[in-house]
Amino acid sequence: MGKLVVSLSPHAHGTDTVERNMYGVIIALMPALLVSFYFFGLGSVVVTATSVAACVFFEWAISKYILKQERNTVLDGSAVLTGLLLAFNLPSNLPVWIIIIGALFAIGVAKMTFGGLGNNLFNPALVGRAALLVAFPAQMTTWPKVGQWGSYIDAETGATPLSIMKEAIKAGDPSILNELPSSLDLFLGNHPDGAGAMGEICALALIIGLCYMLWKKIITWHIPVSILGTVFVFAGLLHLANPAYADSISVLLSGGLMLGAIFMATDYVTSPMTPKGQLIYGIAIGFLTVVIRNWGAYPEGMSFAILIMNAFTPLINNYVKPKRFGEVPAKK
């Protein structure tokens, strides 16, 4: 007869695992990945394959030879996911050697330096992107036009919707916004000129991924909805005050806003734990994104807004920390 093992509570058991959630997010990214292959062709394939392979390699090598961990986490899906998200934030004509440097920053600096998955303060893929944006600004802000399936490094480039919006603000001329694609074209990814980063081209594909993750309960609605709602309201107020600022729908469907709100800001490790904290976090990201886009040096502000709020996540968690069961409130 076996012994009865008694352990401390709680005894609740859940079906969630790191692998299940990581591969769930990867599945949710597949529509956007397929769309990027369709619009960018060979360039998208090269960038994605390089980014994923480099991230997996760096995690394996650092875990085994530097950290000397007994259990290698390379198969839990987190390195593959980081590689995909990093690729989604890059132009489809970025040279391979620059992609590898970005992967090293993402895995080696932002993730493994802090002890690996679950310990990192900042989103690894966004750290990789930010590092490349600072080190290689020309290459990271040169955006190929869509439909050049066989082109890679020599792809023809053009102006993105965000750069058009930025030019309209600088010139104070609302007529420049007439160069923007229609809201339907932005939603479907039909960009006649520069389209931006690989993973941000088609809002529809990203929303399909969001619906899948909500259905599978991989994430909750709090962060995406609070980000998108804040941007919608703030951008709408600016447009009403000055028509040189783009309308809310165009702002929501342009750049990396959808990608960041759905897949980057919702990262388990770097986002708040409670619904209240997630709403605070999302509202702040939405506000900062609009501020940086309109008055910052770069047309895109989503990545920087998320990284800034990653740093505030511990403070938010402490502020909204629920009371322990049976805890007596401190006397004033």
C-alpha atoms as a PDB file:
ATOM      1  CA  MET A   1       0.000   0.000   0.000  1.00  0.00           C
ATOM      2  CA  GLY A   2       1.426   3.354  -1.080  1.00  0.00           C
ATOM      3  CA  LYS A   3       2.176   6.113   1.357  1.00  0.00           C
ATOM      4  CA  LEU A   4      -0.085   9.144   1.554  1.00  0.00           C
ATOM      5  CA  VAL A   5       1.995  12.181   0.648  1.00  0.00           C
ATOM      6  CA  VAL A   6       0.814  15.417   2.256  1.00  0.00           C
ATOM      7  CA  SER A   7       2.152  18.717   0.968  1.00  0.00           C
ATOM      8  CA  LEU A   8       1.427  22.392   1.473  1.00  0.00           C
ATOM      9  CA  SER A   9      -1.504  24.022  -0.297  1.00  0.00           C
ATOM     10  CA  PRO A  10      -2.630  24.961  -2.860  1.00  0.00           C
ATOM     11  CA  HIS A  11      -3.382  21.632  -4.501  1.00  0.00           C
ATOM     12  CA  ALA A  12      -5.110  22.947  -7.628  1.00  0.00           C
ATOM     13  CA  HIS A  13      -3.763  21.547 -10.886  1.00  0.00           C
ATOM     14  CA  GLY A  14      -3.945  23.314 -14.229  1.00  0.00           C
ATOM     15  CA  THR A  15      -3.301  22.144 -17.779  1.00  0.00           C
ATOM     16  CA  ASP A  16      -1.192  25.164 -18.738  1.00  0.00           C
ATOM     17  CA  THR A  17       2.467  24.547 -19.506  1.00  0.00           C
ATOM     18  CA  VAL A  18       5.190  26.733 -20.950  1.00  0.00           C
ATOM     19  CA  GLU A  19       5.270  24.586 -24.077  1.00  0.00           C
ATOM     20  CA  ARG A  20       1.503  24.730 -24.577  1.00  0.00           C
ATOM     21  CA  ASN A  21       1.369  28.507 -24.343  1.00  0.00           C
ATOM     22  CA  MET A  22       4.476  29.146 -26.429  1.00  0.00           C
ATOM     23  CA  TYR A  23       3.400  26.889 -29.268  1.00  0.00           C
ATOM     24  CA  GLY A  24      -0.111  28.313 -28.984  1.00  0.00           C
ATOM     25  CA  VAL A  25       1.234  31.790 -29.682  1.00  0.00           C
ATOM     26  CA  ILE A  26       3.331  30.394 -32.546  1.00  0.00           C
ATOM     27  CA  ILE A  27       0.187  28.904 -34.084  1.00  0.00           C
ATOM     28  CA  ALA A  28      -1.553  32.271 -33.684  1.00  0.00           C
ATOM     29  CA  LEU A  29       1.303  33.913 -35.601  1.00  0.00           C
ATOM     30  CA  MET A  30       0.920  31.604 -38.615  1.00  0.00           C
ATOM     31  CA  PRO A  31      -1.682  33.718 -40.503  1.00  0.00           C
ATOM     32  CA  ALA A  32       0.554  36.792 -40.287  1.00  0.00           C
ATOM     33  CA  LEU A  33       3.605  34.719 -41.249  1.00  0.00           C
ATOM     34  CA  LEU A  34       1.896  33.293 -44.329  1.00  0.00           C
ATOM     35  CA  VAL A  35       0.733  36.767 -45.332  1.00  0.00           C
ATOM     36  CA  SER A  36       4.293  38.082 -45.005  1.00  0.00           C
ATOM     37  CA  PHE A  37       5.533  35.230 -47.236  1.00  0.00           C
ATOM     38  CA  TYR A  38       2.871  36.137 -49.786  1.00  0.00           C
ATOM     39  CA  PHE A  39       3.648  39.865 -49.859  1.00  0.00           C
ATOM     40  CA  PHE A  40       7.443  39.806 -49.425  1.00  0.00           C
ATOM     41  CA  GLY A  41       8.392  36.434 -50.891  1.00  0.00           C
ATOM     42  CA  LEU A  42      12.032  35.338 -50.655  1.00  0.00           C
ATOM     43  CA  GLY A  43      13.041  38.202 -48.371  1.00  0.00           C
ATOM     44  CA  SER A  44      10.496  37.190 -45.744  1.00  0.00           C
ATOM     45  CA  VAL A  45      11.592  33.553 -45.868  1.00  0.00           C
ATOM     46  CA  VAL A  46      15.272  34.441 -45.459  1.00  0.00           C
ATOM     47  CA  VAL A  47      14.695  36.876 -42.589  1.00  0.00           C
ATOM     48  CA  THR A  48      12.360  34.508 -40.702  1.00  0.00           C
ATOM     49  CA  ALA A  49      14.546  31.419 -41.120  1.00  0.00           C
ATOM     50  CA  THR A  50      17.678  33.305 -40.083  1.00  0.00           C
ATOM     51  CA  SER A  51      16.065  34.906 -37.051  1.00  0.00           C
ATOM     52  CA  VAL A  52      14.518  31.683 -35.725  1.00  0.00           C
ATOM     53  CA  ALA A  53      17.656  29.601 -36.343  1.00  0.00           C
ATOM     54  CA  ALA A  54      19.912  32.198 -34.705  1.00  0.00           C
ATOM     55  CA  CYS A  55      17.689  32.562 -31.635  1.00  0.00           C
ATOM     56  CA  VAL A  56      17.468  28.788 -31.147  1.00  0.00           C
ATOM     57  CA  PHE A  57      21.230  28.413 -31.580  1.00  0.00           C
ATOM     58  CA  PHE A  58      22.124  31.189 -29.126  1.00  0.00           C
ATOM     59  CA  GLU A  59      19.757  29.845 -26.477  1.00  0.00           C
ATOM     60  CA  TRP A  60      21.165  26.325 -26.854  1.00  0.00           C
ATOM     61  CA  ALA A  61      24.804  27.469 -26.827  1.00  0.00           C
ATOM     62  CA  ILE A  62      24.441  29.880 -23.891  1.00  0.00           C
ATOM     63  CA  SER A  63      22.432  27.378 -21.825  1.00  0.00           C
ATOM     64  CA  LYS A  64      24.936  24.600 -22.386  1.00  0.00           C
ATOM     65  CA  TYR A  65      28.343  26.268 -22.453  1.00  0.00           C
ATOM     66  CA  ILE A  66      27.958  29.492 -20.427  1.00  0.00           C
ATOM     67  CA  LEU A  67      25.158  28.916 -17.906  1.00  0.00           C
ATOM     68  CA  LYS A  68      25.818  25.139 -17.895  1.00  0.00           C
ATOM     69  CA  GLN A  69      22.173  24.356 -17.230  1.00  0.00           C
ATOM     70  CA  GLU A  70      21.277  20.694 -16.894  1.00  0.00           C
ATOM     71  CA  ARG A  71      17.919  21.162 -18.599  1.00  0.00           C
ATOM     72  CA  ASN A  72      18.166  22.931 -21.943  1.00  0.00           C
ATOM     73  CA  THR A  73      15.065  25.017 -22.686  1.00  0.00           C
ATOM     74  CA  VAL A  74      15.577  25.198 -26.425  1.00  0.00           C
ATOM     75  CA  LEU A  75      12.591  22.929 -27.135  1.00  0.00           C
ATOM     76  CA  ASP A  76      10.035  24.759 -24.983  1.00  0.00           C
ATOM     77  CA  GLY A  77       9.153  27.037 -27.894  1.00  0.00           C
ATOM     78  CA  SER A  78      10.270  30.315 -26.333  1.00  0.00           C
ATOM     79  CA  ALA A  79      13.368  30.703 -28.524  1.00  0.00           C
ATOM     80  CA  VAL A  80      11.372  29.934 -31.679  1.00  0.00           C
ATOM     81  CA  LEU A  81       8.737  32.451 -30.625  1.00  0.00           C
ATOM     82  CA  THR A  82      11.377  35.117 -29.952  1.00  0.00           C
ATOM     83  CA  GLY A  83      12.873  34.450 -33.379  1.00  0.00           C
ATOM     84  CA  LEU A  84       9.494  34.815 -35.079  1.00  0.00           C
ATOM     85  CA  LEU A  85       8.624  38.022 -33.237  1.00  0.00           C
ATOM     86  CA  LEU A  86      12.049  39.496 -33.951  1.00  0.00           C
ATOM     87  CA  ALA A  87      11.621  38.699 -37.656  1.00  0.00           C
ATOM     88  CA  PHE A  88       8.164  40.276 -37.626  1.00  0.00           C
ATOM     89  CA  ASN A  89       9.769  43.544 -36.470  1.00  0.00           C
ATOM     90  CA  LEU A  90      12.380  43.656 -39.238  1.00  0.00           C
ATOM     91  CA  PRO A  91      12.403  44.796 -42.881  1.00  0.00           C
ATOM     92  CA  SER A  92      12.269  41.929 -45.377  1.00  0.00           C
ATOM     93  CA  ASN A  93      15.551  43.025 -46.997  1.00  0.00           C
ATOM     94  CA  LEU A  94      17.722  43.137 -43.856  1.00  0.00           C
ATOM     95  CA  PRO A  95      21.142  41.458 -44.337  1.00  0.00           C
ATOM     96  CA  VAL A  96      21.642  38.103 -42.615  1.00  0.00           C
ATOM     97  CA  TRP A  97      24.557  39.261 -40.469  1.00  0.00           C
ATOM     98  CA  ILE A  98      22.485  42.099 -38.984  1.00  0.00           C
ATOM     99  CA  ILE A  99      19.649  39.678 -38.178  1.00  0.00           C
ATOM    100  CA  ILE A 100      22.112  37.437 -36.306  1.00  0.00           C
ATOM    101  CA  ILE A 101      23.306  40.397 -34.232  1.00  0.00           C
ATOM    102  CA  GLY A 102      19.683  41.174 -33.364  1.00  0.00           C
ATOM    103  CA  ALA A 103      19.105  37.564 -32.304  1.00  0.00           C
ATOM    104  CA  LEU A 104      22.204  37.688 -30.087  1.00  0.00           C
ATOM    105  CA  PHE A 105      20.877  40.798 -28.331  1.00  0.00           C
ATOM    106  CA  ALA A 106      17.412  39.285 -27.981  1.00  0.00           C
ATOM    107  CA  ILE A 107      18.535  35.952 -26.520  1.00  0.00           C
ATOM    108  CA  GLY A 108      21.975  36.650 -25.086  1.00  0.00           C
ATOM    109  CA  VAL A 109      21.400  40.086 -23.573  1.00  0.00           C
ATOM    110  CA  ALA A 110      17.667  40.442 -22.929  1.00  0.00           C
ATOM    111  CA  LYS A 111      16.860  36.854 -21.935  1.00  0.00           C
ATOM    112  CA  MET A 112      19.752  34.637 -20.868  1.00  0.00           C
ATOM    113  CA  THR A 113      21.641  37.401 -19.024  1.00  0.00           C
ATOM    114  CA  PHE A 114      18.727  37.569 -16.587  1.00  0.00           C
ATOM    115  CA  GLY A 115      18.653  33.798 -16.137  1.00  0.00           C
ATOM    116  CA  GLY A 116      16.436  32.658 -18.991  1.00  0.00           C
ATOM    117  CA  LEU A 117      12.707  32.425 -19.509  1.00  0.00           C
ATOM    118  CA  GLY A 118      10.665  33.857 -16.678  1.00  0.00           C
ATOM    119  CA  ASN A 119      13.411  36.126 -15.362  1.00  0.00           C
ATOM    120  CA  ASN A 120      13.829  38.717 -18.103  1.00  0.00           C
ATOM    121  CA  LEU A 121      12.628  42.257 -17.415  1.00  0.00           C
ATOM    122  CA  PHE A 122      12.245  43.333 -21.042  1.00  0.00           C
ATOM    123  CA  ASN A 123      10.670  41.667 -24.060  1.00  0.00           C
ATOM    124  CA  PRO A 124      13.610  39.932 -25.799  1.00  0.00           C
ATOM    125  CA  ALA A 125      12.435  40.443 -29.379  1.00  0.00           C
ATOM    126  CA  LEU A 126      11.888  44.159 -28.799  1.00  0.00           C
ATOM    127  CA  VAL A 127      15.312  44.538 -27.203  1.00  0.00           C
ATOM    128  CA  GLY A 128      16.794  42.958 -30.324  1.00  0.00           C
ATOM    129  CA  ARG A 129      14.844  45.328 -32.540  1.00  0.00           C
ATOM    130  CA  ALA A 130      15.744  48.393 -30.463  1.00  0.00           C
ATOM    131  CA  ALA A 131      19.432  47.470 -30.503  1.00  0.00           C
ATOM    132  CA  LEU A 132      19.412  47.122 -34.287  1.00  0.00           C
ATOM    133  CA  LEU A 133      17.470  50.365 -34.706  1.00  0.00           C
ATOM    134  CA  VAL A 134      20.143  52.235 -32.741  1.00  0.00           C
ATOM    135  CA  ALA A 135      23.110  50.476 -34.378  1.00  0.00           C
ATOM    136  CA  PHE A 136      21.807  50.282 -37.966  1.00  0.00           C
ATOM    137  CA  PRO A 137      19.180  53.034 -38.387  1.00  0.00           C
ATOM    138  CA  ALA A 138      19.451  53.233 -42.189  1.00  0.00           C
ATOM    139  CA  GLN A 139      18.985  49.500 -42.766  1.00  0.00           C
ATOM    140  CA  MET A 140      16.233  49.258 -40.150  1.00  0.00           C
ATOM    141  CA  THR A 141      14.176  52.086 -41.660  1.00  0.00           C
ATOM    142  CA  THR A 142      14.379  51.076 -45.327  1.00  0.00           C
ATOM    143  CA  TRP A 143      11.127  49.329 -46.203  1.00  0.00           C
ATOM    144  CA  PRO A 144      10.678  47.210 -49.361  1.00  0.00           C
ATOM    145  CA  LYS A 145       7.560  47.487 -51.467  1.00  0.00           C
ATOM    146  CA  VAL A 146       5.303  44.441 -51.576  1.00  0.00           C
ATOM    147  CA  GLY A 147       5.070  42.026 -54.495  1.00  0.00           C
ATOM    148  CA  GLN A 148       8.810  41.580 -55.116  1.00  0.00           C
ATOM    149  CA  TRP A 149       8.727  37.836 -54.485  1.00  0.00           C
ATOM    150  CA  GLY A 150      12.161  36.987 -55.872  1.00  0.00           C
ATOM    151  CA  SER A 151      13.998  40.036 -54.504  1.00  0.00           C
ATOM    152  CA  TYR A 152      15.918  40.246 -51.247  1.00  0.00           C
ATOM    153  CA  ILE A 153      18.704  42.771 -50.640  1.00  0.00           C
ATOM    154  CA  ASP A 154      18.053  44.704 -53.862  1.00  0.00           C
ATOM    155  CA  ALA A 155      14.296  45.072 -53.320  1.00  0.00           C
ATOM    156  CA  GLU A 156      12.754  48.414 -54.315  1.00  0.00           C
ATOM    157  CA  THR A 157      11.727  50.500 -51.289  1.00  0.00           C
ATOM    158  CA  GLY A 158       9.072  53.132 -50.589  1.00  0.00           C
ATOM    159  CA  ALA A 159       7.395  55.325 -47.989  1.00  0.00           C
ATOM    160  CA  THR A 160       5.341  53.617 -45.261  1.00  0.00           C
ATOM    161  CA  PRO A 161       1.981  54.881 -43.938  1.00  0.00           C
ATOM    162  CA  LEU A 162       3.693  55.986 -40.718  1.00  0.00           C
ATOM    163  CA  SER A 163       6.278  58.043 -42.597  1.00  0.00           C
ATOM    164  CA  ILE A 164       3.454  59.715 -44.547  1.00  0.00           C
ATOM    165  CA  MET A 165       1.691  60.556 -41.273  1.00  0.00           C
ATOM    166  CA  LYS A 166       4.925  61.942 -39.852  1.00  0.00           C
ATOM    167  CA  GLU A 167       5.466  64.126 -42.920  1.00  0.00           C
ATOM    168  CA  ALA A 168       1.925  65.516 -42.672  1.00  0.00           C
ATOM    169  CA  ILE A 169       2.512  66.505 -39.045  1.00  0.00           C
ATOM    170  CA  LYS A 170       5.861  68.155 -39.795  1.00  0.00           C
ATOM    171  CA  ALA A 171       4.451  70.091 -42.728  1.00  0.00           C
ATOM    172  CA  GLY A 172       1.155  70.824 -41.006  1.00  0.00           C
ATOM    173  CA  ASP A 173      -0.539  69.844 -44.279  1.00  0.00           C
ATOM    174  CA  PRO A 174      -3.558  67.492 -44.054  1.00  0.00           C
ATOM    175  CA  SER A 175      -3.504  66.951 -47.835  1.00  0.00           C
ATOM    176  CA  ILE A 176      -0.390  64.793 -47.479  1.00  0.00           C
ATOM    177  CA  LEU A 177      -2.577  62.210 -45.721  1.00  0.00           C
ATOM    178  CA  ASN A 178      -4.341  61.632 -49.054  1.00  0.00           C
ATOM    179  CA  GLU A 179      -1.319  59.497 -49.990  1.00  0.00           C
ATOM    180  CA  LEU A 180      -2.282  56.954 -47.322  1.00  0.00           C
ATOM    181  CA  PRO A 181      -3.842  53.673 -48.431  1.00  0.00           C
ATOM    182  CA  SER A 182      -7.534  53.327 -47.641  1.00  0.00           C
ATOM    183  CA  SER A 183      -8.593  51.801 -44.329  1.00  0.00           C
ATOM    184  CA  LEU A 184      -9.642  48.629 -46.156  1.00  0.00           C
ATOM    185  CA  ASP A 185      -6.245  48.373 -47.871  1.00  0.00           C
ATOM    186  CA  LEU A 186      -4.483  48.832 -44.532  1.00  0.00           C
ATOM    187  CA  PHE A 187      -6.724  46.178 -42.979  1.00  0.00           C
ATOM    188  CA  LEU A 188      -5.983  43.663 -45.735  1.00  0.00           C
ATOM    189  CA  GLY A 189      -2.320  44.564 -46.252  1.00  0.00           C
ATOM    190  CA  ASN A 190      -2.639  46.102 -49.704  1.00  0.00           C
ATOM    191  CA  HIS A 191       0.159  48.682 -49.467  1.00  0.00           C
ATOM    192  CA  PRO A 192       1.175  50.066 -52.876  1.00  0.00           C
ATOM    193  CA  ASP A 193       4.393  51.597 -51.528  1.00  0.00           C
ATOM    194  CA  GLY A 194       6.499  50.714 -48.505  1.00  0.00           C
ATOM    195  CA  ALA A 195       4.700  48.352 -46.154  1.00  0.00           C
ATOM    196  CA  GLY A 196       6.839  48.484 -43.028  1.00  0.00           C
ATOM    197  CA  ALA A 197       8.065  45.511 -41.029  1.00  0.00           C
ATOM    198  CA  MET A 198       7.189  41.994 -42.136  1.00  0.00           C
ATOM    199  CA  GLY A 199       4.720  41.113 -39.415  1.00  0.00           C
ATOM    200  CA  GLU A 200       2.743  44.329 -39.356  1.00  0.00           C
ATOM    201  CA  ILE A 201       1.483  44.454 -42.929  1.00  0.00           C
ATOM    202  CA  CYS A 202      -1.950  42.834 -42.528  1.00  0.00           C
ATOM    203  CA  ALA A 203      -4.163  43.757 -39.571  1.00  0.00           C
ATOM    204  CA  LEU A 204      -6.676  41.030 -40.481  1.00  0.00           C
ATOM    205  CA  ALA A 205      -4.090  38.276 -40.052  1.00  0.00           C
ATOM    206  CA  LEU A 206      -3.064  39.645 -36.657  1.00  0.00           C
ATOM    207  CA  ILE A 207      -6.683  39.886 -35.492  1.00  0.00           C
ATOM    208  CA  ILE A 208      -7.209  36.249 -36.491  1.00  0.00           C
ATOM    209  CA  GLY A 209      -4.268  35.397 -34.238  1.00  0.00           C
ATOM    210  CA  LEU A 210      -5.820  37.443 -31.430  1.00  0.00           C
ATOM    211  CA  CYS A 211      -9.127  35.586 -31.747  1.00  0.00           C
ATOM    212  CA  TYR A 212      -7.303  32.253 -31.603  1.00  0.00           C
ATOM    213  CA  MET A 213      -5.395  33.188 -28.443  1.00  0.00           C
ATOM    214  CA  LEU A 214      -8.544  34.478 -26.743  1.00  0.00           C
ATOM    215  CA  TRP A 215     -10.382  31.287 -27.719  1.00  0.00           C
ATOM    216  CA  LYS A 216      -7.600  29.119 -26.313  1.00  0.00           C
ATOM    217  CA  LYS A 217      -7.348  31.396 -23.265  1.00  0.00           C
ATOM    218  CA  ILE A 218      -3.647  31.960 -23.892  1.00  0.00           C
ATOM    219  CA  ILE A 219      -4.132  35.661 -23.187  1.00  0.00           C
ATOM    220  CA  THR A 220      -6.971  37.842 -21.891  1.00  0.00           C
ATOM    221  CA  TRP A 221      -8.521  40.884 -23.561  1.00  0.00           C
ATOM    222  CA  HIS A 222      -7.273  43.457 -21.075  1.00  0.00           C
ATOM    223  CA  ILE A 223      -3.946  44.485 -22.621  1.00  0.00           C
ATOM    224  CA  PRO A 224      -4.866  44.484 -26.349  1.00  0.00           C
ATOM    225  CA  VAL A 225      -8.194  46.226 -25.831  1.00  0.00           C
ATOM    226  CA  SER A 226      -6.798  48.862 -23.456  1.00  0.00           C
ATOM    227  CA  ILE A 227      -3.942  49.678 -25.853  1.00  0.00           C
ATOM    228  CA  LEU A 228      -6.119  49.876 -28.959  1.00  0.00           C
ATOM    229  CA  GLY A 229      -8.877  51.769 -27.150  1.00  0.00           C
ATOM    230  CA  THR A 230      -6.457  54.347 -25.768  1.00  0.00           C
ATOM    231  CA  VAL A 231      -4.846  54.911 -29.163  1.00  0.00           C
ATOM    232  CA  PHE A 232      -8.261  55.204 -30.815  1.00  0.00           C
ATOM    233  CA  VAL A 233      -9.423  57.883 -28.365  1.00  0.00           C
ATOM    234  CA  PHE A 234      -6.150  59.842 -28.162  1.00  0.00           C
ATOM    235  CA  ALA A 235      -5.552  59.794 -31.938  1.00  0.00           C
ATOM    236  CA  GLY A 236      -9.171  60.790 -32.535  1.00  0.00           C
ATOM    237  CA  LEU A 237      -8.866  63.811 -30.256  1.00  0.00           C
ATOM    238  CA  LEU A 238      -5.679  64.923 -32.023  1.00  0.00           C
ATOM    239  CA  HIS A 239      -7.346  64.544 -35.417  1.00  0.00           C
ATOM    240  CA  LEU A 240     -10.308  66.635 -34.286  1.00  0.00           C
ATOM    241  CA  ALA A 241      -7.970  69.324 -32.977  1.00  0.00           C
ATOM    242  CA  ASN A 242      -5.772  69.322 -36.074  1.00  0.00           C
ATOM    243  CA  PRO A 243      -6.618  67.457 -39.333  1.00  0.00           C
ATOM    244  CA  ALA A 244      -2.883  67.103 -40.053  1.00  0.00           C
ATOM    245  CA  TYR A 245      -2.957  64.225 -37.570  1.00  0.00           C
ATOM    246  CA  ALA A 246      -4.281  61.012 -39.113  1.00  0.00           C
ATOM    247  CA  ASP A 247      -7.694  59.660 -38.159  1.00  0.00           C
ATOM    248  CA  SER A 248      -8.028  56.961 -35.499  1.00  0.00           C
ATOM    249  CA  ILE A 249      -8.708  54.047 -37.868  1.00  0.00           C
ATOM    250  CA  SER A 250      -5.649  54.771 -40.011  1.00  0.00           C
ATOM    251  CA  VAL A 251      -3.503  55.053 -36.896  1.00  0.00           C
ATOM    252  CA  LEU A 252      -4.778  51.742 -35.513  1.00  0.00           C
ATOM    253  CA  LEU A 253      -4.156  49.884 -38.782  1.00  0.00           C
ATOM    254  CA  SER A 254      -0.692  51.360 -39.489  1.00  0.00           C
ATOM    255  CA  GLY A 255       2.738  50.294 -38.352  1.00  0.00           C
ATOM    256  CA  GLY A 256       3.350  47.818 -35.564  1.00  0.00           C
ATOM    257  CA  LEU A 257       0.424  48.824 -33.365  1.00  0.00           C
ATOM    258  CA  MET A 258      -1.639  45.663 -33.900  1.00  0.00           C
ATOM    259  CA  LEU A 259       1.421  43.418 -33.723  1.00  0.00           C
ATOM    260  CA  GLY A 260       2.629  45.065 -30.529  1.00  0.00           C
ATOM    261  CA  ALA A 261      -0.754  45.176 -28.795  1.00  0.00           C
ATOM    262  CA  ILE A 262      -1.599  41.545 -29.582  1.00  0.00           C
ATOM    263  CA  PHE A 263       1.697  39.664 -29.494  1.00  0.00           C
ATOM    264  CA  MET A 264       4.388  41.811 -27.843  1.00  0.00           C
ATOM    265  CA  ALA A 265       2.739  43.642 -24.958  1.00  0.00           C
ATOM    266  CA  THR A 266       0.933  40.462 -23.845  1.00  0.00           C
ATOM    267  CA  ASP A 267       4.178  38.617 -23.089  1.00  0.00           C
ATOM    268  CA  TYR A 268       3.602  36.728 -19.824  1.00  0.00           C
ATOM    269  CA  VAL A 269       6.944  37.542 -18.229  1.00  0.00           C
ATOM    270  CA  THR A 270       7.114  41.274 -18.911  1.00  0.00           C
ATOM    271  CA  SER A 271       3.462  42.278 -18.405  1.00  0.00           C
ATOM    272  CA  PRO A 272       1.480  42.738 -15.151  1.00  0.00           C
ATOM    273  CA  MET A 273      -0.209  39.739 -13.551  1.00  0.00           C
ATOM    274  CA  THR A 274      -3.607  41.137 -12.558  1.00  0.00           C
ATOM    275  CA  PRO A 275      -6.420  42.444 -14.808  1.00  0.00           C
ATOM    276  CA  LYS A 276      -6.280  45.870 -13.140  1.00  0.00           C
ATOM    277  CA  GLY A 277      -2.532  46.041 -13.642  1.00  0.00           C
ATOM    278  CA  GLN A 278      -2.899  44.978 -17.272  1.00  0.00           C
ATOM    279  CA  LEU A 279      -5.393  47.769 -17.923  1.00  0.00           C
ATOM    280  CA  ILE A 280      -3.034  50.357 -16.416  1.00  0.00           C
ATOM    281  CA  TYR A 281      -0.169  48.896 -18.441  1.00  0.00           C
ATOM    282  CA  GLY A 282      -2.164  48.895 -21.692  1.00  0.00           C
ATOM    283  CA  ILE A 283      -3.465  52.445 -21.293  1.00  0.00           C
ATOM    284  CA  ALA A 284       0.060  53.711 -20.644  1.00  0.00           C
ATOM    285  CA  ILE A 285       1.434  51.879 -23.700  1.00  0.00           C
ATOM    286  CA  GLY A 286      -1.304  53.289 -25.918  1.00  0.00           C
ATOM    287  CA  PHE A 287      -0.698  56.825 -24.670  1.00  0.00           C
ATOM    288  CA  LEU A 288       3.094  56.591 -25.051  1.00  0.00           C
ATOM    289  CA  THR A 289       2.774  55.096 -28.537  1.00  0.00           C
ATOM    290  CA  VAL A 290       0.772  58.070 -29.810  1.00  0.00           C
ATOM    291  CA  VAL A 291       3.140  60.533 -28.118  1.00  0.00           C
ATOM    292  CA  ILE A 292       6.272  58.946 -29.582  1.00  0.00           C
ATOM    293  CA  ARG A 293       4.743  58.531 -33.035  1.00  0.00           C
ATOM    294  CA  ASN A 294       3.658  62.141 -33.274  1.00  0.00           C
ATOM    295  CA  TRP A 295       6.447  63.979 -31.469  1.00  0.00           C
ATOM    296  CA  GLY A 296       9.351  61.539 -31.253  1.00  0.00           C
ATOM    297  CA  ALA A 297      12.299  61.094 -33.593  1.00  0.00           C
ATOM    298  CA  TYR A 298      10.995  57.833 -35.097  1.00  0.00           C
ATOM    299  CA  PRO A 299       7.671  57.368 -36.929  1.00  0.00           C
ATOM    300  CA  GLU A 300       6.954  54.201 -34.907  1.00  0.00           C
ATOM    301  CA  GLY A 301       6.583  54.304 -31.141  1.00  0.00           C
ATOM    302  CA  MET A 302       5.059  50.948 -30.226  1.00  0.00           C
ATOM    303  CA  SER A 303       8.300  49.126 -29.455  1.00  0.00           C
ATOM    304  CA  PHE A 304       9.683  51.890 -27.259  1.00  0.00           C
ATOM    305  CA  ALA A 305       6.370  52.286 -25.427  1.00  0.00           C
ATOM    306  CA  ILE A 306       6.289  48.572 -24.565  1.00  0.00           C
ATOM    307  CA  LEU A 307       9.914  48.548 -23.407  1.00  0.00           C
ATOM    308  CA  ILE A 308       9.327  51.597 -21.219  1.00  0.00           C
ATOM    309  CA  MET A 309       6.307  49.966 -19.596  1.00  0.00           C
ATOM    310  CA  ASN A 310       8.184  46.664 -19.186  1.00  0.00           C
ATOM    311  CA  ALA A 311      10.394  48.561 -16.756  1.00  0.00           C
ATOM    312  CA  PHE A 312       7.315  49.702 -14.823  1.00  0.00           C
ATOM    313  CA  THR A 313       5.735  46.235 -14.633  1.00  0.00           C
ATOM    314  CA  PRO A 314       7.196  45.361 -11.193  1.00  0.00           C
ATOM    315  CA  LEU A 315       5.936  48.694  -9.840  1.00  0.00           C
ATOM    316  CA  ILE A 316       2.465  48.106 -11.297  1.00  0.00           C
ATOM    317  CA  ASN A 317       2.391  44.581  -9.857  1.00  0.00           C
ATOM    318  CA  ASN A 318       3.268  45.970  -6.439  1.00  0.00           C
ATOM    319  CA  TYR A 319       0.620  48.711  -6.690  1.00  0.00           C
ATOM    320  CA  VAL A 320      -2.246  46.362  -7.635  1.00  0.00           C
ATOM    321  CA  LYS A 321      -1.097  43.425  -5.519  1.00  0.00           C
ATOM    322  CA  PRO A 322      -4.200  41.707  -4.078  1.00  0.00           C
ATOM    323  CA  LYS A 323      -4.497  41.315  -0.328  1.00  0.00           C
ATOM    324  CA  ARG A 324      -3.692  37.917   1.134  1.00  0.00           C
ATOM    325  CA  PHE A 325      -6.664  35.933   2.335  1.00  0.00           C
ATOM    326  CA  GLY A 326      -7.288  36.802   5.978  1.00  0.00           C
ATOM    327  CA  GLU A 327      -4.860  39.731   5.968  1.00  0.00           C
ATOM    328  CA  VAL A 328      -5.780  42.482   8.407  1.00  0.00           C
ATOM    329  CA  PRO A 329      -5.460  45.993   6.878  1.00  0.00           C
ATOM    330  CA  ALA A 330      -2.744  48.111   8.484  1.00  0.00           C
ATOM    331  CA  LYS A 331      -3.954  50.891  10.767  1.00  0.00           C
ATOM    332  CA  LYS A 332      -3.418  54.422   9.531  1.00  0.00           C
END
